Amino acid sequence: MTDCIFCKIVSGEIPSKKIYEDEDIIAFHDINPQAPVHFLVIPKEHIVSAMEVNAENSGIIARCFEVIAALAKKEGLSEGFHIINNCGEKGGQTVMHLHFHVLSGRSLGETLV
């Protein structure tokens, strides 16, 4: 998708502070961190949101969570972290490419969930 900022990160058009990459997934630090640790994990395939997850692409979502678990261990997040996915405009999604925020290092407040 030509106008998707995350697709441009995947293609290398836009630089990012990568912490992980394989053939299907990329993870990088958020440019506007909301916690001391804040990175994103995204599938390289352009999937607009969680509303588009189906039997054909759900395997990549499982892989995203495997990567999140491995990165959490690598980053020393053994005491806990948040995984946030905003879905759709009314759900707070601002980049229309499925992504998971991983945050740790401060409380995000009890009203979050």
Protein backbone atom coordinates (compact mmCIF):
# COMPACT_ATOMS: atom_id res chain seq x y z
CA MET A 1 0.00 0.00 0.00
CA THR A 2 1.68 3.18 -1.19
CA ASP A 3 0.39 5.65 1.40
CA CYS A 4 0.79 3.44 4.50
CA ILE A 5 3.57 4.63 6.80
CA PHE A 6 4.14 1.11 8.17
CA CYS A 7 4.40 -0.35 4.66
CA LYS A 8 7.02 2.33 3.96
CA ILE A 9 8.92 1.25 7.10
CA VAL A 10 8.72 -2.37 5.94
CA SER A 11 10.08 -1.44 2.49
CA GLY A 12 12.86 0.71 3.98
CA GLU A 13 11.53 3.97 2.51
CA ILE A 14 11.14 5.36 6.01
CA PRO A 15 13.85 4.58 8.58
CA SER A 16 12.97 3.05 11.92
CA LYS A 17 14.78 1.97 15.04
CA LYS A 18 14.32 -1.76 14.41
CA ILE A 19 14.67 -4.28 17.19
CA TYR A 20 13.56 -7.34 15.22
CA GLU A 21 12.92 -8.39 11.65
CA ASP A 22 12.24 -11.64 9.84
CA GLU A 23 10.52 -12.51 6.57
CA ASP A 24 7.02 -11.83 7.97
CA ILE A 25 7.33 -9.45 10.93
CA ILE A 26 9.13 -6.30 11.93
CA ALA A 27 9.40 -4.67 15.36
CA PHE A 28 10.64 -1.16 16.05
CA HIS A 29 10.61 1.53 18.72
CA ASP A 30 7.65 3.90 18.71
CA ILE A 31 8.59 7.44 17.61
CA ASN A 32 6.31 8.89 20.30
CA PRO A 33 6.84 6.56 23.28
CA GLN A 34 4.17 6.50 25.96
CA ALA A 35 6.27 4.49 28.43
CA PRO A 36 9.97 3.86 29.09
CA VAL A 37 9.68 0.75 26.89
CA HIS A 38 7.40 1.19 23.88
CA PHE A 39 7.81 -0.72 20.66
CA LEU A 40 5.53 -1.89 17.87
CA VAL A 41 5.25 -5.34 16.33
CA ILE A 42 3.65 -5.49 12.88
CA PRO A 43 3.13 -8.04 10.15
CA LYS A 44 4.90 -7.06 6.93
CA GLU A 45 1.75 -8.00 5.03
CA HIS A 46 -0.66 -5.08 4.90
CA ILE A 47 -3.62 -6.09 7.06
CA VAL A 48 -5.71 -3.02 7.86
CA SER A 49 -6.90 -4.01 11.34
CA ALA A 50 -7.89 -6.87 13.60
CA MET A 51 -11.26 -6.80 11.84
CA GLU A 52 -9.51 -8.32 8.79
CA VAL A 53 -7.97 -11.30 10.59
CA ASN A 54 -9.18 -14.54 9.02
CA ALA A 55 -8.18 -18.17 8.53
CA GLU A 56 -5.76 -17.22 5.75
CA ASN A 57 -3.75 -14.66 7.75
CA SER A 58 -4.25 -15.65 11.39
CA GLY A 59 -0.97 -17.57 11.44
CA ILE A 60 0.97 -14.34 11.06
CA ILE A 61 -0.89 -12.89 14.05
CA ALA A 62 0.18 -15.88 16.14
CA ARG A 63 3.76 -15.24 14.97
CA CYS A 64 3.44 -11.60 16.10
CA PHE A 65 2.65 -12.84 19.60
CA GLU A 66 5.58 -15.26 19.51
CA VAL A 67 7.84 -12.34 18.60
CA ILE A 68 6.32 -10.20 21.36
CA ALA A 69 7.07 -12.94 23.92
CA ALA A 70 10.67 -13.30 22.70
CA LEU A 71 11.27 -9.54 22.67
CA ALA A 72 9.74 -9.14 26.12
CA LYS A 73 12.24 -11.68 27.44
CA LYS A 74 15.09 -10.00 25.56
CA GLU A 75 14.10 -6.56 26.90
CA GLY A 76 13.83 -7.87 30.49
CA LEU A 77 10.10 -7.31 30.87
CA SER A 78 9.61 -10.26 33.21
CA GLU A 79 7.56 -8.16 35.65
CA GLY A 80 4.93 -7.45 33.03
CA PHE A 81 3.94 -5.33 30.08
CA HIS A 82 0.92 -4.17 28.10
CA ILE A 83 0.01 -5.30 24.60
CA ILE A 84 -2.37 -2.84 22.96
CA ASN A 85 -4.12 -3.08 19.61
CA ASN A 86 -6.38 -0.23 18.58
CA CYS A 87 -8.95 -1.37 16.03
CA GLY A 88 -10.63 1.09 13.68
CA GLU A 89 -10.92 4.86 13.95
CA LYS A 90 -13.40 4.74 16.81
CA GLY A 91 -11.09 2.30 18.58
CA GLY A 92 -8.23 4.80 18.42
CA GLN A 93 -6.37 3.31 15.44
CA THR A 94 -4.45 6.08 13.65
CA VAL A 95 -2.32 3.98 11.27
CA MET A 96 -4.48 1.63 9.23
CA HIS A 97 -2.02 -1.28 9.29
CA LEU A 98 -2.47 -3.90 12.00
CA HIS A 99 0.05 -3.33 14.79
CA PHE A 100 0.61 -4.20 18.41
CA HIS A 101 2.01 -1.70 20.91
CA VAL A 102 4.17 -3.26 23.64
CA LEU A 103 4.62 -0.95 26.63
CA SER A 104 6.32 -1.35 29.98
CA GLY A 105 8.01 0.65 32.70
CA ARG A 106 5.09 2.67 34.01
CA SER A 107 1.47 2.20 34.92
CA LEU A 108 -0.97 3.11 32.18
CA GLY A 109 -3.78 3.58 34.67
CA GLU A 110 -6.66 1.47 35.85
CA THR A 111 -9.16 2.98 33.41
CA LEU A 112 -7.34 1.58 30.38
CA VAL A 113 -9.22 -1.72 30.59
